[in-house]
Amino acid sequence: MSKRRFREDAETPAESQTPEERRAQRRKDRALGQKGKKPKSGPTSAWRRAALLGIPAVVIVAVVVVLVFGNLFSTPCITLQPIPPSSGVPGFPPHTTSDFSQTWCPSGVSLVMEVFPYIQININGHSVGIPPTQAASSATPDYPSIGRNTSYPGNYACNLPVATHPPLASQGYPDGIIYLASPWPYIYTLSTFFQVWAGSFSSVNVNASYAAQPIVYQTNDLLGFTSDATHKITLFVDGQVSSAGPSLALDTLDYGPNPYPACMSQKYGTGHIIVLSYSLITPAVRGSGLHPATLSTAPGVDPMVYLTSLGGVLEKVGNAAGQETDRAHAMFAGLSWLVLRPLGA
């Protein structure tokens, strides 16, 4: 009786059959097949067909997923790490050095990384050149560069892992390309670059009025121009404001098409642009309590960039006629405020 109850409670008849019953069923199926009749299709044959079709399909889907989406989940072929505190910032060894094996510019070593970040610096609308410029490098092949020094015994060229040098200009790269060529998988930041720049040059020429500015970048200081109530320092990465500041890692922001190893471009992309800007802070009228009529008299302030409580955004058109129209709007806003005030507007 227990054997009979087991068969009735089983999930499928195939699971309740004894080995002798399964062999008998297979003999019947073969006999029917020899007579040209279709064997009875039971649960066992259905499960077998499903397995034969399903398993290959699952394998094919898994292979396609790995091939198509594998790069999304794979780790880069280089693991970046911070510069060890014991190593300090990359710098030049003493000029009497003849053994460079324990320095930041050893000879005969293999590079593990080559990345080309692109940095632009703008001070109050004036572009600051990062040496060497294309004009200088084309005229003087060995023009002094950031992170490069050749004044060692035997004319040894010490190239730090963060540097700039003329050949990049001849390859079609714009001024401002930084060359990260490192035998170590270290994370090099904006701060690292400015420190190497300061170790290579004593000052930087911003314009005729600021010909000898200190080479520094901090959250509140860019080349000696400090942020205050009227000026700000902004870092842009690919056109978006970044809060990373001096700690922005350059290794993953390649501009050129062929960084090394190739996984860097596969994981992080290329064509990145880094912009450092020092500019005037333009206040807004709305919510500030300023009288609209003061737009045209505020010292050192362009009234066209203000928001007014009556006229909305005043946009520059880009020509004299459009700007005169904007000034008329600003004047109208001020007069309207005076006219409507007694009416309780």
C-alpha atoms as a PDB file:
ATOM      1  CA  MET A   1       0.000   0.000   0.000  1.00  0.00           C
ATOM      2  CA  SER A   2       2.809   2.446   0.791  1.00  0.00           C
ATOM      3  CA  LYS A   3       4.222   1.880  -2.682  1.00  0.00           C
ATOM      4  CA  ARG A   4       0.833   2.670  -4.252  1.00  0.00           C
ATOM      5  CA  ARG A   5       0.451   5.897  -2.211  1.00  0.00           C
ATOM      6  CA  PHE A   6       3.905   7.020  -3.294  1.00  0.00           C
ATOM      7  CA  ARG A   7       2.914   6.688  -6.941  1.00  0.00           C
ATOM      8  CA  GLU A   8      -0.283   8.716  -6.468  1.00  0.00           C
ATOM      9  CA  ASP A   9       1.483  11.511  -4.567  1.00  0.00           C
ATOM     10  CA  ALA A  10       4.372  11.849  -7.008  1.00  0.00           C
ATOM     11  CA  GLU A  11       4.680  15.079  -8.964  1.00  0.00           C
ATOM     12  CA  THR A  12       5.026  13.238 -12.339  1.00  0.00           C
ATOM     13  CA  PRO A  13       4.242   9.671 -13.404  1.00  0.00           C
ATOM     14  CA  ALA A  14       7.806   9.256 -14.641  1.00  0.00           C
ATOM     15  CA  GLU A  15       9.146   9.783 -11.153  1.00  0.00           C
ATOM     16  CA  SER A  16       6.796   7.089  -9.748  1.00  0.00           C
ATOM     17  CA  GLN A  17       7.780   4.346 -12.204  1.00  0.00           C
ATOM     18  CA  THR A  18      10.004   1.513 -11.112  1.00  0.00           C
ATOM     19  CA  PRO A  19      13.042   0.608 -13.273  1.00  0.00           C
ATOM     20  CA  GLU A  20      11.191  -2.482 -14.587  1.00  0.00           C
ATOM     21  CA  GLU A  21       8.193  -0.330 -15.626  1.00  0.00           C
ATOM     22  CA  ARG A  22      10.410   2.213 -17.403  1.00  0.00           C
ATOM     23  CA  ARG A  23      12.184  -0.539 -19.342  1.00  0.00           C
ATOM     24  CA  ALA A  24       8.826  -2.034 -20.348  1.00  0.00           C
ATOM     25  CA  GLN A  25       7.626   1.375 -21.543  1.00  0.00           C
ATOM     26  CA  ARG A  26      10.718   1.837 -23.663  1.00  0.00           C
ATOM     27  CA  ARG A  27      10.175  -1.615 -25.263  1.00  0.00           C
ATOM     28  CA  LYS A  28       6.607  -0.624 -26.144  1.00  0.00           C
ATOM     29  CA  ASP A  29       7.809   2.643 -27.648  1.00  0.00           C
ATOM     30  CA  ARG A  30      10.379   0.860 -29.797  1.00  0.00           C
ATOM     31  CA  ALA A  31       7.769  -1.648 -30.988  1.00  0.00           C
ATOM     32  CA  LEU A  32       5.406   1.157 -31.974  1.00  0.00           C
ATOM     33  CA  GLY A  33       8.237   2.897 -33.771  1.00  0.00           C
ATOM     34  CA  GLN A  34       9.031  -0.211 -35.823  1.00  0.00           C
ATOM     35  CA  LYS A  35       5.371  -0.372 -36.892  1.00  0.00           C
ATOM     36  CA  GLY A  36       5.506   3.228 -38.052  1.00  0.00           C
ATOM     37  CA  LYS A  37       3.413   4.498 -35.213  1.00  0.00           C
ATOM     38  CA  LYS A  38       4.335   7.433 -33.021  1.00  0.00           C
ATOM     39  CA  PRO A  39       5.349   6.335 -29.543  1.00  0.00           C
ATOM     40  CA  LYS A  40       3.301   7.628 -26.684  1.00  0.00           C
ATOM     41  CA  SER A  41       4.810  10.921 -25.531  1.00  0.00           C
ATOM     42  CA  GLY A  42       5.143  10.892 -21.807  1.00  0.00           C
ATOM     43  CA  PRO A  43       6.603  13.244 -19.275  1.00  0.00           C
ATOM     44  CA  THR A  44       9.959  11.549 -19.522  1.00  0.00           C
ATOM     45  CA  SER A  45      10.362  12.238 -23.252  1.00  0.00           C
ATOM     46  CA  ALA A  46       9.099  15.832 -22.821  1.00  0.00           C
ATOM     47  CA  TRP A  47      11.667  16.576 -20.168  1.00  0.00           C
ATOM     48  CA  ARG A  48      14.366  15.013 -22.335  1.00  0.00           C
ATOM     49  CA  ARG A  49      13.442  17.200 -25.328  1.00  0.00           C
ATOM     50  CA  ALA A  50      13.368  20.324 -23.149  1.00  0.00           C
ATOM     51  CA  ALA A  51      16.811  19.554 -21.801  1.00  0.00           C
ATOM     52  CA  LEU A  52      18.233  18.921 -25.278  1.00  0.00           C
ATOM     53  CA  LEU A  53      16.909  22.271 -26.528  1.00  0.00           C
ATOM     54  CA  GLY A  54      17.285  24.361 -23.380  1.00  0.00           C
ATOM     55  CA  ILE A  55      20.850  23.599 -22.353  1.00  0.00           C
ATOM     56  CA  PRO A  56      22.459  24.692 -25.665  1.00  0.00           C
ATOM     57  CA  ALA A  57      20.286  27.812 -25.691  1.00  0.00           C
ATOM     58  CA  VAL A  58      21.425  28.774 -22.199  1.00  0.00           C
ATOM     59  CA  VAL A  59      25.071  28.231 -23.188  1.00  0.00           C
ATOM     60  CA  ILE A  60      24.699  30.429 -26.293  1.00  0.00           C
ATOM     61  CA  VAL A  61      23.035  33.234 -24.317  1.00  0.00           C
ATOM     62  CA  ALA A  62      25.779  33.109 -21.675  1.00  0.00           C
ATOM     63  CA  VAL A  63      28.515  33.366 -24.328  1.00  0.00           C
ATOM     64  CA  VAL A  64      26.795  36.351 -25.984  1.00  0.00           C
ATOM     65  CA  VAL A  65      26.427  38.151 -22.639  1.00  0.00           C
ATOM     66  CA  VAL A  66      30.102  37.645 -21.847  1.00  0.00           C
ATOM     67  CA  LEU A  67      31.224  38.877 -25.273  1.00  0.00           C
ATOM     68  CA  VAL A  68      28.924  41.903 -25.402  1.00  0.00           C
ATOM     69  CA  PHE A  69      28.887  43.023 -21.794  1.00  0.00           C
ATOM     70  CA  GLY A  70      32.154  41.607 -20.498  1.00  0.00           C
ATOM     71  CA  ASN A  71      33.986  44.951 -20.619  1.00  0.00           C
ATOM     72  CA  LEU A  72      31.325  46.612 -18.477  1.00  0.00           C
ATOM     73  CA  PHE A  73      32.144  44.460 -15.489  1.00  0.00           C
ATOM     74  CA  SER A  74      35.810  43.693 -16.042  1.00  0.00           C
ATOM     75  CA  THR A  75      38.476  45.394 -13.991  1.00  0.00           C
ATOM     76  CA  PRO A  76      41.063  47.514 -15.784  1.00  0.00           C
ATOM     77  CA  CYS A  77      44.279  45.787 -16.765  1.00  0.00           C
ATOM     78  CA  ILE A  78      46.149  48.241 -14.507  1.00  0.00           C
ATOM     79  CA  THR A  79      45.354  48.859 -10.855  1.00  0.00           C
ATOM     80  CA  LEU A  80      46.077  52.475  -9.920  1.00  0.00           C
ATOM     81  CA  GLN A  81      47.265  53.356  -6.430  1.00  0.00           C
ATOM     82  CA  PRO A  82      48.223  56.566  -4.608  1.00  0.00           C
ATOM     83  CA  ILE A  83      51.865  57.611  -4.569  1.00  0.00           C
ATOM     84  CA  PRO A  84      53.423  56.174  -1.379  1.00  0.00           C
ATOM     85  CA  PRO A  85      54.125  58.874   1.228  1.00  0.00           C
ATOM     86  CA  SER A  86      57.731  57.688   1.402  1.00  0.00           C
ATOM     87  CA  SER A  87      58.226  58.530  -2.281  1.00  0.00           C
ATOM     88  CA  GLY A  88      56.973  62.095  -2.028  1.00  0.00           C
ATOM     89  CA  VAL A  89      56.035  64.255  -5.001  1.00  0.00           C
ATOM     90  CA  PRO A  90      57.892  63.468  -8.261  1.00  0.00           C
ATOM     91  CA  GLY A  91      60.981  65.672  -8.373  1.00  0.00           C
ATOM     92  CA  PHE A  92      64.419  65.993  -9.924  1.00  0.00           C
ATOM     93  CA  PRO A  93      67.397  64.320  -8.227  1.00  0.00           C
ATOM     94  CA  PRO A  94      70.475  66.420  -7.356  1.00  0.00           C
ATOM     95  CA  HIS A  95      72.428  67.582 -10.402  1.00  0.00           C
ATOM     96  CA  THR A  96      75.486  65.581  -9.279  1.00  0.00           C
ATOM     97  CA  THR A  97      73.544  62.311  -9.473  1.00  0.00           C
ATOM     98  CA  SER A  98      75.004  59.639 -11.736  1.00  0.00           C
ATOM     99  CA  ASP A  99      72.970  56.649 -10.517  1.00  0.00           C
ATOM    100  CA  PHE A 100      69.295  57.207 -11.326  1.00  0.00           C
ATOM    101  CA  SER A 101      68.018  53.770 -10.343  1.00  0.00           C
ATOM    102  CA  GLN A 102      66.509  55.026  -7.081  1.00  0.00           C
ATOM    103  CA  THR A 103      65.130  58.283  -8.483  1.00  0.00           C
ATOM    104  CA  TRP A 104      61.904  59.389 -10.169  1.00  0.00           C
ATOM    105  CA  CYS A 105      63.598  59.032 -13.573  1.00  0.00           C
ATOM    106  CA  PRO A 106      65.330  55.630 -13.636  1.00  0.00           C
ATOM    107  CA  SER A 107      66.895  54.398 -16.860  1.00  0.00           C
ATOM    108  CA  GLY A 108      66.128  51.176 -18.693  1.00  0.00           C
ATOM    109  CA  VAL A 109      62.712  50.600 -17.106  1.00  0.00           C
ATOM    110  CA  SER A 110      59.489  49.605 -18.828  1.00  0.00           C
ATOM    111  CA  LEU A 111      56.483  51.900 -18.678  1.00  0.00           C
ATOM    112  CA  VAL A 112      53.220  50.543 -17.309  1.00  0.00           C
ATOM    113  CA  MET A 113      51.159  53.574 -18.314  1.00  0.00           C
ATOM    114  CA  GLU A 114      51.086  56.356 -20.938  1.00  0.00           C
ATOM    115  CA  VAL A 115      48.188  58.800 -20.719  1.00  0.00           C
ATOM    116  CA  PHE A 116      47.758  62.249 -22.301  1.00  0.00           C
ATOM    117  CA  PRO A 117      45.500  64.593 -20.286  1.00  0.00           C
ATOM    118  CA  TYR A 118      44.634  67.996 -21.785  1.00  0.00           C
ATOM    119  CA  ILE A 119      44.597  71.009 -19.439  1.00  0.00           C
ATOM    120  CA  GLN A 120      43.472  74.546 -20.244  1.00  0.00           C
ATOM    121  CA  ILE A 121      43.993  77.469 -17.846  1.00  0.00           C
ATOM    122  CA  ASN A 122      42.001  80.683 -18.141  1.00  0.00           C
ATOM    123  CA  ILE A 123      42.586  83.774 -16.017  1.00  0.00           C
ATOM    124  CA  ASN A 124      39.900  86.452 -16.424  1.00  0.00           C
ATOM    125  CA  GLY A 125      39.345  85.437 -20.035  1.00  0.00           C
ATOM    126  CA  HIS A 126      43.069  85.193 -20.847  1.00  0.00           C
ATOM    127  CA  SER A 127      44.447  81.795 -21.860  1.00  0.00           C
ATOM    128  CA  VAL A 128      47.648  80.809 -20.043  1.00  0.00           C
ATOM    129  CA  GLY A 129      50.172  78.758 -22.001  1.00  0.00           C
ATOM    130  CA  ILE A 130      51.644  75.600 -20.494  1.00  0.00           C
ATOM    131  CA  PRO A 131      55.277  75.181 -21.631  1.00  0.00           C
ATOM    132  CA  PRO A 132      56.415  74.229 -24.112  1.00  0.00           C
ATOM    133  CA  THR A 133      54.119  75.937 -26.624  1.00  0.00           C
ATOM    134  CA  GLN A 134      54.009  74.710 -30.205  1.00  0.00           C
ATOM    135  CA  ALA A 135      55.780  77.853 -31.505  1.00  0.00           C
ATOM    136  CA  ALA A 136      58.654  77.452 -29.064  1.00  0.00           C
ATOM    137  CA  SER A 137      58.967  73.685 -29.495  1.00  0.00           C
ATOM    138  CA  SER A 138      58.999  73.856 -33.276  1.00  0.00           C
ATOM    139  CA  ALA A 139      61.800  76.445 -33.202  1.00  0.00           C
ATOM    140  CA  THR A 140      63.829  74.738 -30.478  1.00  0.00           C
ATOM    141  CA  PRO A 141      63.485  70.927 -30.386  1.00  0.00           C
ATOM    142  CA  ASP A 142      64.877  70.675 -26.852  1.00  0.00           C
ATOM    143  CA  TYR A 143      62.893  73.600 -25.485  1.00  0.00           C
ATOM    144  CA  PRO A 144      62.705  73.479 -21.646  1.00  0.00           C
ATOM    145  CA  SER A 145      59.685  71.452 -20.600  1.00  0.00           C
ATOM    146  CA  ILE A 146      57.824  70.673 -17.436  1.00  0.00           C
ATOM    147  CA  GLY A 147      59.237  67.542 -15.797  1.00  0.00           C
ATOM    148  CA  ARG A 148      62.345  67.337 -18.019  1.00  0.00           C
ATOM    149  CA  ASN A 149      65.961  68.194 -17.172  1.00  0.00           C
ATOM    150  CA  THR A 150      69.105  67.427 -19.160  1.00  0.00           C
ATOM    151  CA  SER A 151      71.758  69.105 -16.988  1.00  0.00           C
ATOM    152  CA  TYR A 152      73.151  65.881 -15.543  1.00  0.00           C
ATOM    153  CA  PRO A 153      76.539  64.234 -16.073  1.00  0.00           C
ATOM    154  CA  GLY A 154      76.751  62.769 -19.547  1.00  0.00           C
ATOM    155  CA  ASN A 155      73.759  64.855 -20.674  1.00  0.00           C
ATOM    156  CA  TYR A 156      71.439  62.348 -19.039  1.00  0.00           C
ATOM    157  CA  ALA A 157      67.807  63.349 -19.644  1.00  0.00           C
ATOM    158  CA  CYS A 158      65.687  63.027 -16.523  1.00  0.00           C
ATOM    159  CA  ASN A 159      62.054  62.738 -17.549  1.00  0.00           C
ATOM    160  CA  LEU A 160      59.680  62.652 -14.596  1.00  0.00           C
ATOM    161  CA  PRO A 161      56.490  60.556 -14.879  1.00  0.00           C
ATOM    162  CA  VAL A 162      54.514  63.812 -15.177  1.00  0.00           C
ATOM    163  CA  ALA A 163      55.928  65.995 -17.927  1.00  0.00           C
ATOM    164  CA  THR A 164      55.415  67.967 -21.121  1.00  0.00           C
ATOM    165  CA  HIS A 165      57.694  67.833 -24.123  1.00  0.00           C
ATOM    166  CA  PRO A 166      57.858  69.122 -27.719  1.00  0.00           C
ATOM    167  CA  PRO A 167      57.252  65.929 -29.723  1.00  0.00           C
ATOM    168  CA  LEU A 168      53.575  65.945 -28.750  1.00  0.00           C
ATOM    169  CA  ALA A 169      53.080  69.262 -30.550  1.00  0.00           C
ATOM    170  CA  SER A 170      54.526  67.836 -33.768  1.00  0.00           C
ATOM    171  CA  GLN A 171      52.050  64.974 -33.532  1.00  0.00           C
ATOM    172  CA  GLY A 172      49.083  67.305 -33.743  1.00  0.00           C
ATOM    173  CA  TYR A 173      48.315  67.652 -30.047  1.00  0.00           C
ATOM    174  CA  PRO A 174      47.320  71.132 -28.818  1.00  0.00           C
ATOM    175  CA  ASP A 175      49.279  73.150 -26.270  1.00  0.00           C
ATOM    176  CA  GLY A 176      48.411  72.014 -22.788  1.00  0.00           C
ATOM    177  CA  ILE A 177      48.887  68.266 -23.288  1.00  0.00           C
ATOM    178  CA  ILE A 178      50.386  66.578 -20.219  1.00  0.00           C
ATOM    179  CA  TYR A 179      52.442  63.437 -20.708  1.00  0.00           C
ATOM    180  CA  LEU A 180      51.956  60.811 -17.998  1.00  0.00           C
ATOM    181  CA  ALA A 181      54.594  58.162 -18.690  1.00  0.00           C
ATOM    182  CA  SER A 182      55.124  56.098 -15.591  1.00  0.00           C
ATOM    183  CA  PRO A 183      56.912  52.853 -14.680  1.00  0.00           C
ATOM    184  CA  TRP A 184      54.627  52.739 -11.631  1.00  0.00           C
ATOM    185  CA  PRO A 185      50.804  52.511 -11.580  1.00  0.00           C
ATOM    186  CA  TYR A 186      50.475  55.630  -9.447  1.00  0.00           C
ATOM    187  CA  ILE A 187      47.609  58.103  -9.347  1.00  0.00           C
ATOM    188  CA  TYR A 188      48.843  61.471 -10.594  1.00  0.00           C
ATOM    189  CA  THR A 189      46.616  64.427  -9.759  1.00  0.00           C
ATOM    190  CA  LEU A 190      46.303  68.084 -10.728  1.00  0.00           C
ATOM    191  CA  SER A 191      48.204  68.900  -7.558  1.00  0.00           C
ATOM    192  CA  THR A 192      51.021  66.575  -8.680  1.00  0.00           C
ATOM    193  CA  PHE A 193      51.212  68.331 -12.041  1.00  0.00           C
ATOM    194  CA  PHE A 194      51.423  71.824 -10.508  1.00  0.00           C
ATOM    195  CA  GLN A 195      54.101  70.693  -8.068  1.00  0.00           C
ATOM    196  CA  VAL A 196      56.186  69.229 -10.894  1.00  0.00           C
ATOM    197  CA  TRP A 197      55.614  72.436 -12.893  1.00  0.00           C
ATOM    198  CA  ALA A 198      56.813  74.510  -9.913  1.00  0.00           C
ATOM    199  CA  GLY A 199      59.888  72.288  -9.664  1.00  0.00           C
ATOM    200  CA  SER A 200      60.685  72.932 -13.333  1.00  0.00           C
ATOM    201  CA  PHE A 201      60.032  76.696 -13.587  1.00  0.00           C
ATOM    202  CA  SER A 202      60.230  79.526 -11.078  1.00  0.00           C
ATOM    203  CA  SER A 203      57.149  81.411 -12.332  1.00  0.00           C
ATOM    204  CA  VAL A 204      54.588  81.630 -15.130  1.00  0.00           C
ATOM    205  CA  ASN A 205      53.694  84.486 -17.483  1.00  0.00           C
ATOM    206  CA  VAL A 206      49.947  85.143 -17.462  1.00  0.00           C
ATOM    207  CA  ASN A 207      50.000  88.412 -19.422  1.00  0.00           C
ATOM    208  CA  ALA A 208      51.953  91.668 -19.628  1.00  0.00           C
ATOM    209  CA  SER A 209      50.604  92.814 -16.272  1.00  0.00           C
ATOM    210  CA  TYR A 210      51.289  89.492 -14.546  1.00  0.00           C
ATOM    211  CA  ALA A 211      54.541  88.266 -16.064  1.00  0.00           C
ATOM    212  CA  ALA A 212      55.919  86.412 -13.030  1.00  0.00           C
ATOM    213  CA  GLN A 213      53.091  84.619 -11.234  1.00  0.00           C
ATOM    214  CA  PRO A 214      53.693  81.787  -8.739  1.00  0.00           C
ATOM    215  CA  ILE A 215      52.985  78.299 -10.045  1.00  0.00           C
ATOM    216  CA  VAL A 216      50.368  77.068  -7.609  1.00  0.00           C
ATOM    217  CA  TYR A 217      46.919  75.524  -7.628  1.00  0.00           C
ATOM    218  CA  GLN A 218      44.837  75.230  -4.501  1.00  0.00           C
ATOM    219  CA  THR A 219      41.106  75.466  -3.952  1.00  0.00           C
ATOM    220  CA  ASN A 220      41.467  79.203  -3.273  1.00  0.00           C
ATOM    221  CA  ASP A 221      44.554  80.055  -5.359  1.00  0.00           C
ATOM    222  CA  LEU A 222      45.266  79.613  -9.059  1.00  0.00           C
ATOM    223  CA  LEU A 223      48.635  80.999 -10.215  1.00  0.00           C
ATOM    224  CA  GLY A 224      48.544  83.636  -7.478  1.00  0.00           C
ATOM    225  CA  PHE A 225      44.971  84.707  -8.215  1.00  0.00           C
ATOM    226  CA  THR A 226      42.906  84.061  -5.105  1.00  0.00           C
ATOM    227  CA  SER A 227      39.191  83.528  -4.760  1.00  0.00           C
ATOM    228  CA  ASP A 228      37.288  86.139  -2.758  1.00  0.00           C
ATOM    229  CA  ALA A 229      33.885  87.825  -2.584  1.00  0.00           C
ATOM    230  CA  THR A 230      34.111  88.894  -6.216  1.00  0.00           C
ATOM    231  CA  HIS A 231      36.204  86.158  -7.876  1.00  0.00           C
ATOM    232  CA  LYS A 232      35.984  82.379  -8.067  1.00  0.00           C
ATOM    233  CA  ILE A 233      38.148  79.457  -9.147  1.00  0.00           C
ATOM    234  CA  THR A 234      36.276  76.772 -11.062  1.00  0.00           C
ATOM    235  CA  LEU A 235      37.373  73.347 -12.285  1.00  0.00           C
ATOM    236  CA  PHE A 236      35.586  71.922 -15.326  1.00  0.00           C
ATOM    237  CA  VAL A 237      35.910  68.347 -16.590  1.00  0.00           C
ATOM    238  CA  ASP A 238      34.361  67.813 -20.014  1.00  0.00           C
ATOM    239  CA  GLY A 239      32.317  70.969 -19.581  1.00  0.00           C
ATOM    240  CA  GLN A 240      30.908  69.984 -16.187  1.00  0.00           C
ATOM    241  CA  VAL A 241      31.861  71.640 -12.897  1.00  0.00           C
ATOM    242  CA  SER A 242      33.961  69.305 -10.741  1.00  0.00           C
ATOM    243  CA  SER A 243      34.457  69.527  -6.990  1.00  0.00           C
ATOM    244  CA  ALA A 244      37.609  67.363  -7.090  1.00  0.00           C
ATOM    245  CA  GLY A 245      39.898  70.413  -7.146  1.00  0.00           C
ATOM    246  CA  PRO A 246      43.650  69.702  -6.827  1.00  0.00           C
ATOM    247  CA  SER A 247      42.939  66.026  -6.045  1.00  0.00           C
ATOM    248  CA  LEU A 248      41.472  65.392  -9.529  1.00  0.00           C
ATOM    249  CA  ALA A 249      43.130  62.220 -10.887  1.00  0.00           C
ATOM    250  CA  LEU A 250      44.609  62.709 -14.365  1.00  0.00           C
ATOM    251  CA  ASP A 251      45.272  59.039 -15.173  1.00  0.00           C
ATOM    252  CA  THR A 252      41.690  58.327 -16.259  1.00  0.00           C
ATOM    253  CA  LEU A 253      41.209  61.551 -18.271  1.00  0.00           C
ATOM    254  CA  ASP A 254      43.091  60.805 -21.481  1.00  0.00           C
ATOM    255  CA  TYR A 255      42.711  63.172 -24.432  1.00  0.00           C
ATOM    256  CA  GLY A 256      44.611  61.279 -27.126  1.00  0.00           C
ATOM    257  CA  PRO A 257      43.232  58.242 -28.933  1.00  0.00           C
ATOM    258  CA  ASN A 258      45.835  55.664 -27.878  1.00  0.00           C
ATOM    259  CA  PRO A 259      46.664  55.535 -24.173  1.00  0.00           C
ATOM    260  CA  TYR A 260      48.657  52.623 -22.838  1.00  0.00           C
ATOM    261  CA  PRO A 261      47.465  50.115 -21.758  1.00  0.00           C
ATOM    262  CA  ALA A 262      44.502  50.026 -24.126  1.00  0.00           C
ATOM    263  CA  CYS A 263      42.120  49.145 -21.305  1.00  0.00           C
ATOM    264  CA  MET A 264      42.414  52.741 -20.095  1.00  0.00           C
ATOM    265  CA  SER A 265      40.503  54.021 -23.121  1.00  0.00           C
ATOM    266  CA  GLN A 266      38.082  51.091 -23.062  1.00  0.00           C
ATOM    267  CA  LYS A 267      37.124  51.776 -19.460  1.00  0.00           C
ATOM    268  CA  TYR A 268      37.454  55.547 -19.157  1.00  0.00           C
ATOM    269  CA  GLY A 269      37.165  56.813 -22.746  1.00  0.00           C
ATOM    270  CA  THR A 270      39.242  59.500 -24.465  1.00  0.00           C
ATOM    271  CA  GLY A 271      38.857  63.107 -25.602  1.00  0.00           C
ATOM    272  CA  HIS A 272      38.622  64.479 -22.056  1.00  0.00           C
ATOM    273  CA  ILE A 273      39.278  68.192 -21.482  1.00  0.00           C
ATOM    274  CA  ILE A 274      40.201  69.765 -18.140  1.00  0.00           C
ATOM    275  CA  VAL A 275      39.696  73.524 -17.688  1.00  0.00           C
ATOM    276  CA  LEU A 276      40.815  75.664 -14.750  1.00  0.00           C
ATOM    277  CA  SER A 277      39.177  79.085 -14.663  1.00  0.00           C
ATOM    278  CA  TYR A 278      39.599  82.204 -12.548  1.00  0.00           C
ATOM    279  CA  SER A 279      36.741  84.606 -13.188  1.00  0.00           C
ATOM    280  CA  LEU A 280      34.552  87.364 -11.806  1.00  0.00           C
ATOM    281  CA  ILE A 281      31.536  86.406  -9.744  1.00  0.00           C
ATOM    282  CA  THR A 282      28.471  88.095 -11.227  1.00  0.00           C
ATOM    283  CA  PRO A 283      25.728  88.608  -8.636  1.00  0.00           C
ATOM    284  CA  ALA A 284      22.019  88.448  -9.401  1.00  0.00           C
ATOM    285  CA  VAL A 285      19.350  90.980  -8.463  1.00  0.00           C
ATOM    286  CA  ARG A 286      16.466  88.649  -7.809  1.00  0.00           C
ATOM    287  CA  GLY A 287      16.129  88.032  -4.074  1.00  0.00           C
ATOM    288  CA  SER A 288      19.004  90.375  -3.261  1.00  0.00           C
ATOM    289  CA  GLY A 289      16.915  93.466  -2.552  1.00  0.00           C
ATOM    290  CA  LEU A 290      18.849  95.613  -5.037  1.00  0.00           C
ATOM    291  CA  HIS A 291      16.930  98.395  -6.773  1.00  0.00           C
ATOM    292  CA  PRO A 292      16.549  97.602 -10.519  1.00  0.00           C
ATOM    293  CA  ALA A 293      17.495 101.200 -11.356  1.00  0.00           C
ATOM    294  CA  THR A 294      20.970 100.572  -9.914  1.00  0.00           C
ATOM    295  CA  LEU A 295      21.749  98.067 -12.669  1.00  0.00           C
ATOM    296  CA  SER A 296      23.367 100.708 -14.840  1.00  0.00           C
ATOM    297  CA  THR A 297      25.296 102.346 -12.008  1.00  0.00           C
ATOM    298  CA  ALA A 298      26.660  99.369 -10.037  1.00  0.00           C
ATOM    299  CA  PRO A 299      30.476  99.796 -10.083  1.00  0.00           C
ATOM    300  CA  GLY A 300      32.342  97.202 -12.095  1.00  0.00           C
ATOM    301  CA  VAL A 301      29.211  95.190 -12.867  1.00  0.00           C
ATOM    302  CA  ASP A 302      27.715  94.479 -16.274  1.00  0.00           C
ATOM    303  CA  PRO A 303      23.945  95.086 -16.005  1.00  0.00           C
ATOM    304  CA  MET A 304      23.233  92.725 -18.871  1.00  0.00           C
ATOM    305  CA  VAL A 305      23.885  89.623 -16.782  1.00  0.00           C
ATOM    306  CA  TYR A 306      21.529  90.526 -13.963  1.00  0.00           C
ATOM    307  CA  LEU A 307      18.099  89.107 -13.225  1.00  0.00           C
ATOM    308  CA  THR A 308      15.467  91.744 -12.570  1.00  0.00           C
ATOM    309  CA  SER A 309      12.201  91.383 -10.733  1.00  0.00           C
ATOM    310  CA  LEU A 310      10.281  92.840 -13.653  1.00  0.00           C
ATOM    311  CA  GLY A 311      12.197  92.177 -16.846  1.00  0.00           C
ATOM    312  CA  GLY A 312      13.514  88.660 -16.203  1.00  0.00           C
ATOM    313  CA  VAL A 313      16.808  87.538 -17.720  1.00  0.00           C
ATOM    314  CA  LEU A 314      18.632  90.155 -19.771  1.00  0.00           C
ATOM    315  CA  GLU A 315      20.594  88.313 -22.436  1.00  0.00           C
ATOM    316  CA  LYS A 316      23.353  89.740 -24.586  1.00  0.00           C
ATOM    317  CA  VAL A 317      22.598  89.422 -28.272  1.00  0.00           C
ATOM    318  CA  GLY A 318      26.198  89.788 -29.407  1.00  0.00           C
ATOM    319  CA  ASN A 319      25.949  93.043 -31.328  1.00  0.00           C
ATOM    320  CA  ALA A 320      25.654  96.729 -30.522  1.00  0.00           C
ATOM    321  CA  ALA A 321      22.005  96.992 -31.504  1.00  0.00           C
ATOM    322  CA  GLY A 322      21.027  94.074 -29.298  1.00  0.00           C
ATOM    323  CA  GLN A 323      22.944  95.447 -26.334  1.00  0.00           C
ATOM    324  CA  GLU A 324      21.273  98.832 -26.737  1.00  0.00           C
ATOM    325  CA  THR A 325      17.927  97.017 -26.656  1.00  0.00           C
ATOM    326  CA  ASP A 326      18.960  95.312 -23.424  1.00  0.00           C
ATOM    327  CA  ARG A 327      19.952  98.625 -21.889  1.00  0.00           C
ATOM    328  CA  ALA A 328      16.551 100.011 -22.855  1.00  0.00           C
ATOM    329  CA  HIS A 329      14.907  97.039 -21.122  1.00  0.00           C
ATOM    330  CA  ALA A 330      16.975  97.669 -18.014  1.00  0.00           C
ATOM    331  CA  MET A 331      16.023 101.355 -18.005  1.00  0.00           C
ATOM    332  CA  PHE A 332      12.370 100.455 -18.492  1.00  0.00           C
ATOM    333  CA  ALA A 333      12.537  98.039 -15.576  1.00  0.00           C
ATOM    334  CA  GLY A 334      13.916 100.775 -13.337  1.00  0.00           C
ATOM    335  CA  LEU A 335      11.320 103.344 -14.412  1.00  0.00           C
ATOM    336  CA  SER A 336       8.499 100.819 -14.029  1.00  0.00           C
ATOM    337  CA  TRP A 337       9.593 100.148 -10.480  1.00  0.00           C
ATOM    338  CA  LEU A 338       9.405 103.849  -9.675  1.00  0.00           C
ATOM    339  CA  VAL A 339       5.978 104.302 -11.349  1.00  0.00           C
ATOM    340  CA  LEU A 340       4.347 101.225  -9.880  1.00  0.00           C
ATOM    341  CA  ARG A 341       5.702 101.620  -6.328  1.00  0.00           C
ATOM    342  CA  PRO A 342       3.095 104.241  -5.239  1.00  0.00           C
ATOM    343  CA  LEU A 343       0.379 101.912  -6.545  1.00  0.00           C
ATOM    344  CA  GLY A 344       1.502  99.155  -4.214  1.00  0.00           C
ATOM    345  CA  ALA A 345       3.043  97.107  -6.975  1.00  0.00           C
END
